[in-house]
Amino acid sequence: MSGDDEVLAARAAYRRGDWRSAYDGFGRAHDSAELNTDDLSSYGMAAWRLGYGRESIQLCEQAFNRLLAEGDQQYAAMKAVEVALQWFNGGDLTITRVWLNRAGRLLEKFPEDQTFAYLLYVDSLLSIYEGRYDAGAQRAEELQEFTSRLNSPGLTALGLTASGLAKIPFARTDEAFADLDEAMMPVLADQVPVDWAGDIYCAVIHECFRLGDLNRMKTWTDAMEKWCQGPDVSASWYGTTCEIHKYQLLSATNDYQELEERLVTALASIEDFHAPTAGEGHYELGDLRRRRGDVDGARAAFARARALGWDPQPGEALLRCDIGEHDGAWNDLRMRMDAEDDAIGRIRLLPAAVEIALACDRVDEADRHCTELEDGAEKFDSPGFRAWARHARGAVLVSQDRAAEALPVLQDALRRSRTTQ
């Protein structure tokens, strides 16, 4: 097949969502001749959807430079935002900001261009991840005001997603999930471009997990699994991401050996592409191994999570506690808690703090952390956090030789846990 025929076939494959054939075809054509700018961009996006993160970024950055040289500032701005999203998904917030700034400068002459909505979306999420919650909320408000002037369900979904995520740090949980659930409607109706739809899915499911709302997480994970079977998505990396979310849900009930094997397979294909998800997955793998008694395997998985930018606490501290290093575990977790400035992040450390404090016979400390967990569960109105709090309270009561009081509390914890699975 000639180079021209390879390009024509690759273009056709790209249009029908056959990312593998498009990637292979553009790759063969690229080896023999220079691709035009549109084809180079398509080549990069096909690589992205297959999970070839580093290669995709290189190709998309080349396409951006071409667009600048050709004087197409609007298309270059959109490409810059796409590259920013890629770096954001890779976990590099500094480079994400650089690309957003580039896009912003290019859009100064085009303030009503729809690309501005995508820029505001990524900027809002980036600000939230940086811990600049007021700035994230401001960007979300600007995005919703901008999209209100347009008749675009896809952009409306981005605005609702940013709005929902921005409300969570302020414990406006009901309002946040109302926005996030509504944002999913255009996604389910295939009214959002593939890469942005995938980002919305991942953002919503991640927040469900962080807040312990496993029922809602299961609803949207099941929806994502069906979405991943669509013609534009079936061969993409999103299926692997969905698998990891499924394993998070299954970890409470499934056979650990089988779950571990499946998780290892999924993680092998995503590390190069989405570092935060891979890091979170390695943390889950470490915790599975810890619960199975595989100390060395758990340590290795936690170390890999850290290398990918994911904090392996409280799993590492619980592992030390499991092997009898109670004081070391307590010191490790206390240091982590002292450094945690995210309210939800701190709440997620508290069940382990109670468990390890009790192992160290620090009953008063355990009681204090249990009360903090109870307060956090009410503040964020989280069914999962409430189940954790009831379990922690029952454990504290047992340690205080108040077994009769502990029994109904632990029964309530079990009931709540079952209803959130």
Foldseek 3Di string as FASTA:
>chain_A
DDLVVLLVQLVVCLVQQVLVSNLVSLVVSVVPDPDPLVSLLSNLVSCQFLQQLVVSLVSLVVSLVNCVVVVVLQVSLLSLLVSLVQVVLLPNLVVSVVSLVSSVVSCPVPVLDPSVLSSLLSQLVSCVVVVVLVSSQVSLVVSCVSCVVDDALQSQLSSLQSNLSSCVLVLPQVSSVVSLVVSCPCLLVVRHPDVVSLVSLVSVLVVCVLLLQQVVNVVSLVSQCVVCVDSNRVSGLSNLLSLLSVLVSCLVPDDLVVSLVVLVVSLVRNCSGRLQSSLVSLLVSLQSCLVVVNLVSSVVSQVVSVVSPHHSPPSVLVSCVVVPVLVVSQVVLVVVLVPDPRLSVNLVRLLVNLVSCVSVVVLVSNVVSLVVLCVSCVSNVGLRSQLSSLCSVLVSCVSVVNNVVSVVSPVVSVVSVVVSD
